[in-house]
Amino acid sequence: AFAYRMKLEAIKHQGRATSGQVGPKLE
């Protein structure tokens, strides 16, 4: 559970940094 949560947050952070994408689509 915590591993998936950490990985999800890391991937979301990468998405915000590289594409500036936010919100439900990024999630």
mmCIF file of all heavy atoms, coordinates in Angstrom:
data_MODEL
# 
_entry.id   MODEL 
# 
loop_
_atom_site.group_PDB 
_atom_site.id 
_atom_site.type_symbol 
_atom_site.label_atom_id 
_atom_site.label_alt_id 
_atom_site.label_comp_id 
_atom_site.label_asym_id 
_atom_site.label_entity_id 
_atom_site.label_seq_id 
_atom_site.pdbx_PDB_ins_code 
_atom_site.Cartn_x 
_atom_site.Cartn_y 
_atom_site.Cartn_z 
_atom_site.occupancy 
_atom_site.B_iso_or_equiv 
_atom_site.pdbx_formal_charge 
_atom_site.auth_seq_id 
_atom_site.auth_comp_id 
_atom_site.auth_asym_id 
_atom_site.auth_atom_id 
_atom_site.pdbx_PDB_model_num 
ATOM 1   N N   . ALA A 1 1  ? 0.820  -1.212 0.000   1.00 0.00 ? 1  ALA A N   1 
ATOM 2   C CA  . ALA A 1 1  ? 0.000  0.000  0.000   1.00 0.00 ? 1  ALA A CA  1 
ATOM 3   C C   . ALA A 1 1  ? 0.852  1.260  0.000   1.00 0.00 ? 1  ALA A C   1 
ATOM 4   O O   . ALA A 1 1  ? 0.658  2.165  -0.819  1.00 0.00 ? 1  ALA A O   1 
ATOM 5   C CB  . ALA A 1 1  ? -0.929 -0.008 1.217   1.00 0.00 ? 1  ALA A CB  1 
ATOM 6   N N   . PHE A 1 2  ? 1.813  1.339  0.916   1.00 0.00 ? 2  PHE A N   1 
ATOM 7   C CA  . PHE A 1 2  ? 2.650  2.539  0.991   1.00 0.00 ? 2  PHE A CA  1 
ATOM 8   C C   . PHE A 1 2  ? 3.596  2.632  -0.203  1.00 0.00 ? 2  PHE A C   1 
ATOM 9   O O   . PHE A 1 2  ? 3.921  3.734  -0.656  1.00 0.00 ? 2  PHE A O   1 
ATOM 10  C CB  . PHE A 1 2  ? 3.437  2.557  2.303   1.00 0.00 ? 2  PHE A CB  1 
ATOM 11  C CG  . PHE A 1 2  ? 2.619  3.015  3.474   1.00 0.00 ? 2  PHE A CG  1 
ATOM 12  C CD1 . PHE A 1 2  ? 2.120  2.103  4.403   1.00 0.00 ? 2  PHE A CD1 1 
ATOM 13  C CD2 . PHE A 1 2  ? 2.324  4.357  3.652   1.00 0.00 ? 2  PHE A CD2 1 
ATOM 14  C CE1 . PHE A 1 2  ? 1.340  2.518  5.474   1.00 0.00 ? 2  PHE A CE1 1 
ATOM 15  C CE2 . PHE A 1 2  ? 1.554  4.791  4.720   1.00 0.00 ? 2  PHE A CE2 1 
ATOM 16  C CZ  . PHE A 1 2  ? 1.064  3.872  5.632   1.00 0.00 ? 2  PHE A CZ  1 
ATOM 17  N N   . ALA A 1 3  ? 4.025  1.485  -0.728  1.00 0.00 ? 3  ALA A N   1 
ATOM 18  C CA  . ALA A 1 3  ? 4.900  1.501  -1.905  1.00 0.00 ? 3  ALA A CA  1 
ATOM 19  C C   . ALA A 1 3  ? 4.152  2.059  -3.116  1.00 0.00 ? 3  ALA A C   1 
ATOM 20  O O   . ALA A 1 3  ? 4.679  2.909  -3.846  1.00 0.00 ? 3  ALA A O   1 
ATOM 21  C CB  . ALA A 1 3  ? 5.400  0.088  -2.203  1.00 0.00 ? 3  ALA A CB  1 
ATOM 22  N N   . TYR A 1 4  ? 2.928  1.594  -3.329  1.00 0.00 ? 4  TYR A N   1 
ATOM 23  C CA  . TYR A 1 4  ? 2.134  2.110  -4.450  1.00 0.00 ? 4  TYR A CA  1 
ATOM 24  C C   . TYR A 1 4  ? 1.865  3.602  -4.290  1.00 0.00 ? 4  TYR A C   1 
ATOM 25  O O   . TYR A 1 4  ? 1.901  4.359  -5.260  1.00 0.00 ? 4  TYR A O   1 
ATOM 26  C CB  . TYR A 1 4  ? 0.805  1.361  -4.548  1.00 0.00 ? 4  TYR A CB  1 
ATOM 27  C CG  . TYR A 1 4  ? 0.900  -0.023 -5.147  1.00 0.00 ? 4  TYR A CG  1 
ATOM 28  C CD1 . TYR A 1 4  ? -0.033 -1.008 -4.820  1.00 0.00 ? 4  TYR A CD1 1 
ATOM 29  C CD2 . TYR A 1 4  ? 1.896  -0.357 -6.056  1.00 0.00 ? 4  TYR A CD2 1 
ATOM 30  C CE1 . TYR A 1 4  ? 0.029  -2.283 -5.374  1.00 0.00 ? 4  TYR A CE1 1 
ATOM 31  C CE2 . TYR A 1 4  ? 1.973  -1.626 -6.607  1.00 0.00 ? 4  TYR A CE2 1 
ATOM 32  C CZ  . TYR A 1 4  ? 1.036  -2.579 -6.264  1.00 0.00 ? 4  TYR A CZ  1 
ATOM 33  O OH  . TYR A 1 4  ? 1.106  -3.837 -6.812  1.00 0.00 ? 4  TYR A OH  1 
ATOM 34  N N   . ARG A 1 5  ? 1.597  4.023  -3.065  1.00 0.00 ? 5  ARG A N   1 
ATOM 35  C CA  . ARG A 1 5  ? 1.316  5.452  -2.831  1.00 0.00 ? 5  ARG A CA  1 
ATOM 36  C C   . ARG A 1 5  ? 2.556  6.297  -3.127  1.00 0.00 ? 5  ARG A C   1 
ATOM 37  O O   . ARG A 1 5  ? 2.461  7.368  -3.762  1.00 0.00 ? 5  ARG A O   1 
ATOM 38  C CB  . ARG A 1 5  ? 0.859  5.658  -1.386  1.00 0.00 ? 5  ARG A CB  1 
ATOM 39  C CG  . ARG A 1 5  ? 0.474  7.094  -1.071  1.00 0.00 ? 5  ARG A CG  1 
ATOM 40  C CD  . ARG A 1 5  ? -0.141 7.201  0.310   1.00 0.00 ? 5  ARG A CD  1 
ATOM 41  N NE  . ARG A 1 5  ? -0.428 8.594  0.649   1.00 0.00 ? 5  ARG A NE  1 
ATOM 42  C CZ  . ARG A 1 5  ? -1.021 8.969  1.784   1.00 0.00 ? 5  ARG A CZ  1 
ATOM 43  N NH1 . ARG A 1 5  ? -1.409 8.067  2.670   1.00 0.00 ? 5  ARG A NH1 1 
ATOM 44  N NH2 . ARG A 1 5  ? -1.231 10.244 2.032   1.00 0.00 ? 5  ARG A NH2 1 
ATOM 45  N N   . MET A 1 6  ? 3.721  5.834  -2.670  1.00 0.00 ? 6  MET A N   1 
ATOM 46  C CA  . MET A 1 6  ? 4.961  6.566  -2.926  1.00 0.00 ? 6  MET A CA  1 
ATOM 47  C C   . MET A 1 6  ? 5.258  6.649  -4.421  1.00 0.00 ? 6  MET A C   1 
ATOM 48  O O   . MET A 1 6  ? 5.645  7.704  -4.932  1.00 0.00 ? 6  MET A O   1 
ATOM 49  C CB  . MET A 1 6  ? 6.123  5.906  -2.183  1.00 0.00 ? 6  MET A CB  1 
ATOM 50  C CG  . MET A 1 6  ? 6.070  6.057  -0.678  1.00 0.00 ? 6  MET A CG  1 
ATOM 51  S SD  . MET A 1 6  ? 7.414  5.152  0.165   1.00 0.00 ? 6  MET A SD  1 
ATOM 52  C CE  . MET A 1 6  ? 8.834  6.162  -0.305  1.00 0.00 ? 6  MET A CE  1 
ATOM 53  N N   . LYS A 1 7  ? 5.060  5.529  -5.121  1.00 0.00 ? 7  LYS A N   1 
ATOM 54  C CA  . LYS A 1 7  ? 5.341  5.504  -6.553  1.00 0.00 ? 7  LYS A CA  1 
ATOM 55  C C   . LYS A 1 7  ? 4.367  6.413  -7.301  1.00 0.00 ? 7  LYS A C   1 
ATOM 56  O O   . LYS A 1 7  ? 4.762  7.149  -8.220  1.00 0.00 ? 7  LYS A O   1 
ATOM 57  C CB  . LYS A 1 7  ? 5.237  4.076  -7.074  1.00 0.00 ? 7  LYS A CB  1 
ATOM 58  C CG  . LYS A 1 7  ? 5.591  3.948  -8.557  1.00 0.00 ? 7  LYS A CG  1 
ATOM 59  C CD  . LYS A 1 7  ? 5.626  2.493  -8.993  1.00 0.00 ? 7  LYS A CD  1 
ATOM 60  C CE  . LYS A 1 7  ? 5.974  2.368  -10.473 1.00 0.00 ? 7  LYS A CE  1 
ATOM 61  N NZ  . LYS A 1 7  ? 6.045  0.955  -10.911 1.00 0.00 ? 7  LYS A NZ  1 
ATOM 62  N N   . LEU A 1 8  ? 3.099  6.384  -6.904  1.00 0.00 ? 8  LEU A N   1 
ATOM 63  C CA  . LEU A 1 8  ? 2.103  7.236  -7.552  1.00 0.00 ? 8  LEU A CA  1 
ATOM 64  C C   . LEU A 1 8  ? 2.448  8.705  -7.378  1.00 0.00 ? 8  LEU A C   1 
ATOM 65  O O   . LEU A 1 8  ? 2.390  9.489  -8.343  1.00 0.00 ? 8  LEU A O   1 
ATOM 66  C CB  . LEU A 1 8  ? 0.717  6.947  -6.968  1.00 0.00 ? 8  LEU A CB  1 
ATOM 67  C CG  . LEU A 1 8  ? -0.441 7.775  -7.524  1.00 0.00 ? 8  LEU A CG  1 
ATOM 68  C CD1 . LEU A 1 8  ? -0.649 7.482  -8.998  1.00 0.00 ? 8  LEU A CD1 1 
ATOM 69  C CD2 . LEU A 1 8  ? -1.719 7.515  -6.733  1.00 0.00 ? 8  LEU A CD2 1 
ATOM 70  N N   . GLU A 1 9  ? 2.835  9.096  -6.167  1.00 0.00 ? 9  GLU A N   1 
ATOM 71  C CA  . GLU A 1 9  ? 3.187  10.495 -5.914  1.00 0.00 ? 9  GLU A CA  1 
ATOM 72  C C   . GLU A 1 9  ? 4.419  10.907 -6.721  1.00 0.00 ? 9  GLU A C   1 
ATOM 73  O O   . GLU A 1 9  ? 4.493  12.029 -7.231  1.00 0.00 ? 9  GLU A O   1 
ATOM 74  C CB  . GLU A 1 9  ? 3.432  10.717 -4.416  1.00 0.00 ? 9  GLU A CB  1 
ATOM 75  C CG  . GLU A 1 9  ? 2.186  10.619 -3.554  1.00 0.00 ? 9  GLU A CG  1 
ATOM 76  C CD  . GLU A 1 9  ? 1.132  11.636 -3.966  1.00 0.00 ? 9  GLU A CD  1 
ATOM 77  O OE1 . GLU A 1 9  ? 1.491  12.798 -4.282  1.00 0.00 ? 9  GLU A OE1 1 
ATOM 78  O OE2 . GLU A 1 9  ? -0.064 11.273 -3.984  1.00 0.00 ? 9  GLU A OE2 1 
ATOM 79  N N   . ALA A 1 10 ? 5.391  10.005 -6.848  1.00 0.00 ? 10 ALA A N   1 
ATOM 80  C CA  . ALA A 1 10 ? 6.602  10.305 -7.616  1.00 0.00 ? 10 ALA A CA  1 
ATOM 81  C C   . ALA A 1 10 ? 6.275  10.495 -9.094  1.00 0.00 ? 10 ALA A C   1 
ATOM 82  O O   . ALA A 1 10 ? 6.787  11.417 -9.743  1.00 0.00 ? 10 ALA A O   1 
ATOM 83  C CB  . ALA A 1 10 ? 7.629  9.187  -7.438  1.00 0.00 ? 10 ALA A CB  1 
ATOM 84  N N   . ILE A 1 11 ? 5.410  9.633  -9.627  1.00 0.00 ? 11 ILE A N   1 
ATOM 85  C CA  . ILE A 1 11 ? 5.044  9.738  -11.043 1.00 0.00 ? 11 ILE A CA  1 
ATOM 86  C C   . ILE A 1 11 ? 4.231  11.008 -11.290 1.00 0.00 ? 11 ILE A C   1 
ATOM 87  O O   . ILE A 1 11 ? 4.426  11.696 -12.306 1.00 0.00 ? 11 ILE A O   1 
ATOM 88  C CB  . ILE A 1 11 ? 4.260  8.481  -11.486 1.00 0.00 ? 11 ILE A CB  1 
ATOM 89  C CG1 . ILE A 1 11 ? 5.211  7.288  -11.536 1.00 0.00 ? 11 ILE A CG1 1 
ATOM 90  C CG2 . ILE A 1 11 ? 3.594  8.695  -12.848 1.00 0.00 ? 11 ILE A CG2 1 
ATOM 91  C CD1 . ILE A 1 11 ? 4.541  5.966  -11.832 1.00 0.00 ? 11 ILE A CD1 1 
ATOM 92  N N   . LYS A 1 12 ? 3.350  11.355 -10.362 1.00 0.00 ? 12 LYS A N   1 
ATOM 93  C CA  . LYS A 1 12 ? 2.581  12.597 -10.509 1.00 0.00 ? 12 LYS A CA  1 
ATOM 94  C C   . LYS A 1 12 ? 3.500  13.808 -10.474 1.00 0.00 ? 12 LYS A C   1 
ATOM 95  O O   . LYS A 1 12 ? 3.334  14.760 -11.245 1.00 0.00 ? 12 LYS A O   1 
ATOM 96  C CB  . LYS A 1 12 ? 1.526  12.702 -9.397  1.00 0.00 ? 12 LYS A CB  1 
ATOM 97  C CG  . LYS A 1 12 ? 0.327  11.795 -9.602  1.00 0.00 ? 12 LYS A CG  1 
ATOM 98  C CD  . LYS A 1 12 ? -0.850 12.185 -8.738  1.00 0.00 ? 12 LYS A CD  1 
ATOM 99  C CE  . LYS A 1 12 ? -0.558 11.996 -7.277  1.00 0.00 ? 12 LYS A CE  1 
ATOM 100 N NZ  . LYS A 1 12 ? -1.762 12.256 -6.443  1.00 0.00 ? 12 LYS A NZ  1 
ATOM 101 N N   . HIS A 1 13 ? 4.486  13.772 -9.588  1.00 0.00 ? 13 HIS A N   1 
ATOM 102 C CA  . HIS A 1 13 ? 5.433  14.884 -9.482  1.00 0.00 ? 13 HIS A CA  1 
ATOM 103 C C   . HIS A 1 13 ? 6.242  15.031 -10.762 1.00 0.00 ? 13 HIS A C   1 
ATOM 104 O O   . HIS A 1 13 ? 6.493  16.142 -11.250 1.00 0.00 ? 13 HIS A O   1 
ATOM 105 C CB  . HIS A 1 13 ? 6.361  14.674 -8.293  1.00 0.00 ? 13 HIS A CB  1 
ATOM 106 C CG  . HIS A 1 13 ? 7.256  15.834 -8.010  1.00 0.00 ? 13 HIS A CG  1 
ATOM 107 N ND1 . HIS A 1 13 ? 8.557  15.889 -8.457  1.00 0.00 ? 13 HIS A ND1 1 
ATOM 108 C CD2 . HIS A 1 13 ? 7.027  17.001 -7.342  1.00 0.00 ? 13 HIS A CD2 1 
ATOM 109 C CE1 . HIS A 1 13 ? 9.111  17.024 -8.071  1.00 0.00 ? 13 HIS A CE1 1 
ATOM 110 N NE2 . HIS A 1 13 ? 8.200  17.724 -7.397  1.00 0.00 ? 13 HIS A NE2 1 
ATOM 111 N N   . GLN A 1 14 ? 6.652  13.893 -11.344 1.00 0.00 ? 14 GLN A N   1 
ATOM 112 C CA  . GLN A 1 14 ? 7.373  13.938 -12.616 1.00 0.00 ? 14 GLN A CA  1 
ATOM 113 C C   . GLN A 1 14 ? 6.499  14.526 -13.717 1.00 0.00 ? 14 GLN A C   1 
ATOM 114 O O   . GLN A 1 14 ? 6.955  15.307 -14.553 1.00 0.00 ? 14 GLN A O   1 
ATOM 115 C CB  . GLN A 1 14 ? 7.818  12.527 -13.016 1.00 0.00 ? 14 GLN A CB  1 
ATOM 116 C CG  . GLN A 1 14 ? 9.020  11.998 -12.253 1.00 0.00 ? 14 GLN A CG  1 
ATOM 117 C CD  . GLN A 1 14 ? 9.456  10.643 -12.760 1.00 0.00 ? 14 GLN A CD  1 
ATOM 118 O OE1 . GLN A 1 14 ? 8.636  9.838  -13.218 1.00 0.00 ? 14 GLN A OE1 1 
ATOM 119 N NE2 . GLN A 1 14 ? 10.752 10.356 -12.675 1.00 0.00 ? 14 GLN A NE2 1 
ATOM 120 N N   . GLY A 1 15 ? 5.206  14.162 -13.715 1.00 0.00 ? 15 GLY A N   1 
ATOM 121 C CA  . GLY A 1 15 ? 4.286  14.669 -14.718 1.00 0.00 ? 15 GLY A CA  1 
ATOM 122 C C   . GLY A 1 15 ? 4.091  16.166 -14.625 1.00 0.00 ? 15 GLY A C   1 
ATOM 123 O O   . GLY A 1 15 ? 4.061  16.870 -15.650 1.00 0.00 ? 15 GLY A O   1 
ATOM 124 N N   . ARG A 1 16 ? 4.012  16.669 -13.392 1.00 0.00 ? 16 ARG A N   1 
ATOM 125 C CA  . ARG A 1 16 ? 3.870  18.122 -13.201 1.00 0.00 ? 16 ARG A CA  1 
ATOM 126 C C   . ARG A 1 16 ? 5.132  18.844 -13.661 1.00 0.00 ? 16 ARG A C   1 
ATOM 127 O O   . ARG A 1 16 ? 5.074  19.924 -14.243 1.00 0.00 ? 16 ARG A O   1 
ATOM 128 C CB  . ARG A 1 16 ? 3.576  18.436 -11.730 1.00 0.00 ? 16 ARG A CB  1 
ATOM 129 C CG  . ARG A 1 16 ? 2.160  18.102 -11.296 1.00 0.00 ? 16 ARG A CG  1 
ATOM 130 C CD  . ARG A 1 16 ? 1.846  18.687 -9.935  1.00 0.00 ? 16 ARG A CD  1 
ATOM 131 N NE  . ARG A 1 16 ? 2.644  18.053 -8.884  1.00 0.00 ? 16 ARG A NE  1 
ATOM 132 C CZ  . ARG A 1 16 ? 2.238  17.023 -8.168  1.00 0.00 ? 16 ARG A CZ  1 
ATOM 133 N NH1 . ARG A 1 16 ? 1.050  16.477 -8.398  1.00 0.00 ? 16 ARG A NH1 1 
ATOM 134 N NH2 . ARG A 1 16 ? 2.999  16.502 -7.226  1.00 0.00 ? 16 ARG A NH2 1 
ATOM 135 N N   . ALA A 1 17 ? 6.296  18.233 -13.384 1.00 0.00 ? 17 ALA A N   1 
ATOM 136 C CA  . ALA A 1 17 ? 7.562  18.890 -13.712 1.00 0.00 ? 17 ALA A CA  1 
ATOM 137 C C   . ALA A 1 17 ? 7.838  18.913 -15.212 1.00 0.00 ? 17 ALA A C   1 
ATOM 138 O O   . ALA A 1 17 ? 8.390  19.875 -15.733 1.00 0.00 ? 17 ALA A O   1 
ATOM 139 C CB  . ALA A 1 17 ? 8.712  18.193 -12.982 1.00 0.00 ? 17 ALA A CB  1 
ATOM 140 N N   . THR A 1 18 ? 7.457  17.843 -15.916 1.00 0.00 ? 18 THR A N   1 
ATOM 141 C CA  . THR A 1 18 ? 7.802  17.751 -17.331 1.00 0.00 ? 18 THR A CA  1 
ATOM 142 C C   . THR A 1 18 ? 6.751  18.340 -18.268 1.00 0.00 ? 18 THR A C   1 
ATOM 143 O O   . THR A 1 18 ? 7.082  18.850 -19.329 1.00 0.00 ? 18 THR A O   1 
ATOM 144 C CB  . THR A 1 18 ? 8.030  16.280 -17.729 1.00 0.00 ? 18 THR A CB  1 
ATOM 145 O OG1 . THR A 1 18 ? 6.841  15.522 -17.420 1.00 0.00 ? 18 THR A OG1 1 
ATOM 146 C CG2 . THR A 1 18 ? 9.208  15.703 -16.967 1.00 0.00 ? 18 THR A CG2 1 
ATOM 147 N N   . SER A 1 19 ? 5.472  18.264 -17.862 1.00 0.00 ? 19 SER A N   1 
ATOM 148 C CA  . SER A 1 19 ? 4.425  18.728 -18.772 1.00 0.00 ? 19 SER A CA  1 
ATOM 149 C C   . SER A 1 19 ? 3.582  19.854 -18.200 1.00 0.00 ? 19 SER A C   1 
ATOM 150 O O   . SER A 1 19 ? 2.790  20.456 -18.922 1.00 0.00 ? 19 SER A O   1 
ATOM 151 C CB  . SER A 1 19 ? 3.507  17.554 -19.152 1.00 0.00 ? 19 SER A CB  1 
ATOM 152 O OG  . SER A 1 19 ? 2.792  17.112 -18.000 1.00 0.00 ? 19 SER A OG  1 
ATOM 153 N N   . GLY A 1 20 ? 3.754  20.092 -16.903 1.00 0.00 ? 20 GLY A N   1 
ATOM 154 C CA  . GLY A 1 20 ? 2.938  21.129 -16.268 1.00 0.00 ? 20 GLY A CA  1 
ATOM 155 C C   . GLY A 1 20 ? 1.498  20.700 -16.088 1.00 0.00 ? 20 GLY A C   1 
ATOM 156 O O   . GLY A 1 20 ? 0.642  21.503 -15.700 1.00 0.00 ? 20 GLY A O   1 
ATOM 157 N N   . GLN A 1 21 ? 1.208  19.417 -16.339 1.00 0.00 ? 21 GLN A N   1 
ATOM 158 C CA  . GLN A 1 21 ? -0.157 18.916 -16.235 1.00 0.00 ? 21 GLN A CA  1 
ATOM 159 C C   . GLN A 1 21 ? -0.563 18.787 -14.771 1.00 0.00 ? 21 GLN A C   1 
ATOM 160 O O   . GLN A 1 21 ? 0.220  18.371 -13.924 1.00 0.00 ? 21 GLN A O   1 
ATOM 161 C CB  . GLN A 1 21 ? -0.258 17.552 -16.921 1.00 0.00 ? 21 GLN A CB  1 
ATOM 162 C CG  . GLN A 1 21 ? -1.676 17.072 -17.132 1.00 0.00 ? 21 GLN A CG  1 
ATOM 163 C CD  . GLN A 1 21 ? -1.701 15.739 -17.871 1.00 0.00 ? 21 GLN A CD  1 
ATOM 164 O OE1 . GLN A 1 21 ? -0.861 14.875 -17.634 1.00 0.00 ? 21 GLN A OE1 1 
ATOM 165 N NE2 . GLN A 1 21 ? -2.659 15.566 -18.767 1.00 0.00 ? 21 GLN A NE2 1 
ATOM 166 N N   . VAL A 1 22 ? -1.796 19.170 -14.448 1.00 0.00 ? 22 VAL A N   1 
ATOM 167 C CA  . VAL A 1 22 ? -2.315 19.060 -13.089 1.00 0.00 ? 22 VAL A CA  1 
ATOM 168 C C   . VAL A 1 22 ? -3.757 18.566 -13.160 1.00 0.00 ? 22 VAL A C   1 
ATOM 169 O O   . VAL A 1 22 ? -4.358 18.515 -14.224 1.00 0.00 ? 22 VAL A O   1 
ATOM 170 C CB  . VAL A 1 22 ? -2.269 20.417 -12.335 1.00 0.00 ? 22 VAL A CB  1 
ATOM 171 C CG1 . VAL A 1 22 ? -0.854 20.872 -12.127 1.00 0.00 ? 22 VAL A CG1 1 
ATOM 172 C CG2 . VAL A 1 22 ? -3.057 21.478 -13.113 1.00 0.00 ? 22 VAL A CG2 1 
ATOM 173 N N   . GLY A 1 23 ? -4.308 18.236 -11.987 1.00 0.00 ? 23 GLY A N   1 
ATOM 174 C CA  . GLY A 1 23 ? -5.721 17.899 -11.916 1.00 0.00 ? 23 GLY A CA  1 
ATOM 175 C C   . GLY A 1 23 ? -6.028 16.444 -12.196 1.00 0.00 ? 23 GLY A C   1 
ATOM 176 O O   . GLY A 1 23 ? -5.153 15.569 -12.188 1.00 0.00 ? 23 GLY A O   1 
ATOM 177 N N   . PRO A 1 24 ? -7.312 16.156 -12.466 1.00 0.00 ? 24 PRO A N   1 
ATOM 178 C CA  . PRO A 1 24 ? -7.786 14.777 -12.651 1.00 0.00 ? 24 PRO A CA  1 
ATOM 179 C C   . PRO A 1 24 ? -7.069 14.016 -13.763 1.00 0.00 ? 24 PRO A C   1 
ATOM 180 O O   . PRO A 1 24 ? -6.850 12.816 -13.643 1.00 0.00 ? 24 PRO A O   1 
ATOM 181 C CB  . PRO A 1 24 ? -9.276 14.962 -12.985 1.00 0.00 ? 24 PRO A CB  1 
ATOM 182 C CG  . PRO A 1 24 ? -9.640 16.280 -12.393 1.00 0.00 ? 24 PRO A CG  1 
ATOM 183 C CD  . PRO A 1 24 ? -8.417 17.132 -12.522 1.00 0.00 ? 24 PRO A CD  1 
ATOM 184 N N   . LYS A 1 25 ? -6.719 14.709 -14.860 1.00 0.00 ? 25 LYS A N   1 
ATOM 185 C CA  . LYS A 1 25 ? -6.055 14.020 -15.964 1.00 0.00 ? 25 LYS A CA  1 
ATOM 186 C C   . LYS A 1 25 ? -4.698 13.464 -15.539 1.00 0.00 ? 25 LYS A C   1 
ATOM 187 O O   . LYS A 1 25 ? -4.332 12.343 -15.896 1.00 0.00 ? 25 LYS A O   1 
ATOM 188 C CB  . LYS A 1 25 ? -5.883 14.962 -17.153 1.00 0.00 ? 25 LYS A CB  1 
ATOM 189 C CG  . LYS A 1 25 ? -7.172 15.233 -17.922 1.00 0.00 ? 25 LYS A CG  1 
ATOM 190 C CD  . LYS A 1 25 ? -6.894 16.032 -19.182 1.00 0.00 ? 25 LYS A CD  1 
ATOM 191 C CE  . LYS A 1 25 ? -8.184 16.241 -19.979 1.00 0.00 ? 25 LYS A CE  1 
ATOM 192 N NZ  . LYS A 1 25 ? -7.930 17.019 -21.225 1.00 0.00 ? 25 LYS A NZ  1 
ATOM 193 N N   . LEU A 1 26 ? -3.947 14.260 -14.775 1.00 0.00 ? 26 LEU A N   1 
ATOM 194 C CA  . LEU A 1 26 ? -2.646 13.794 -14.285 1.00 0.00 ? 26 LEU A CA  1 
ATOM 195 C C   . LEU A 1 26 ? -2.843 12.631 -13.315 1.00 0.00 ? 26 LEU A C   1 
ATOM 196 O O   . LEU A 1 26 ? -2.104 11.644 -13.359 1.00 0.00 ? 26 LEU A O   1 
ATOM 197 C CB  . LEU A 1 26 ? -1.895 14.942 -13.597 1.00 0.00 ? 26 LEU A CB  1 
ATOM 198 C CG  . LEU A 1 26 ? -0.566 14.557 -12.944 1.00 0.00 ? 26 LEU A CG  1 
ATOM 199 C CD1 . LEU A 1 26 ? 0.422  14.039 -13.986 1.00 0.00 ? 26 LEU A CD1 1 
ATOM 200 C CD2 . LEU A 1 26 ? 0.033  15.758 -12.208 1.00 0.00 ? 26 LEU A CD2 1 
ATOM 201 N N   . GLU A 1 27 ? -3.837 12.740 -12.442 1.00 0.00 ? 27 GLU A N   1 
ATOM 202 C CA  . GLU A 1 27 ? -4.127 11.676 -11.469 1.00 0.00 ? 27 GLU A CA  1 
ATOM 203 C C   . GLU A 1 27 ? -4.457 10.380 -12.207 1.00 0.00 ? 27 GLU A C   1 
ATOM 204 O O   . GLU A 1 27 ? -3.930 9.306  -11.866 1.00 0.00 ? 27 GLU A O   1 
ATOM 205 C CB  . GLU A 1 27 ? -5.307 12.090 -10.591 1.00 0.00 ? 27 GLU A CB  1 
ATOM 206 C CG  . GLU A 1 27 ? -5.673 11.093 -9.506  1.00 0.00 ? 27 GLU A CG  1 
ATOM 207 C CD  . GLU A 1 27 ? -4.744 11.137 -8.318  1.00 0.00 ? 27 GLU A CD  1 
ATOM 208 O OE1 . GLU A 1 27 ? -4.147 12.193 -8.070  1.00 0.00 ? 27 GLU A OE1 1 
ATOM 209 O OE2 . GLU A 1 27 ? -4.616 10.106 -7.638  1.00 0.00 ? 27 GLU A OE2 1 
# 
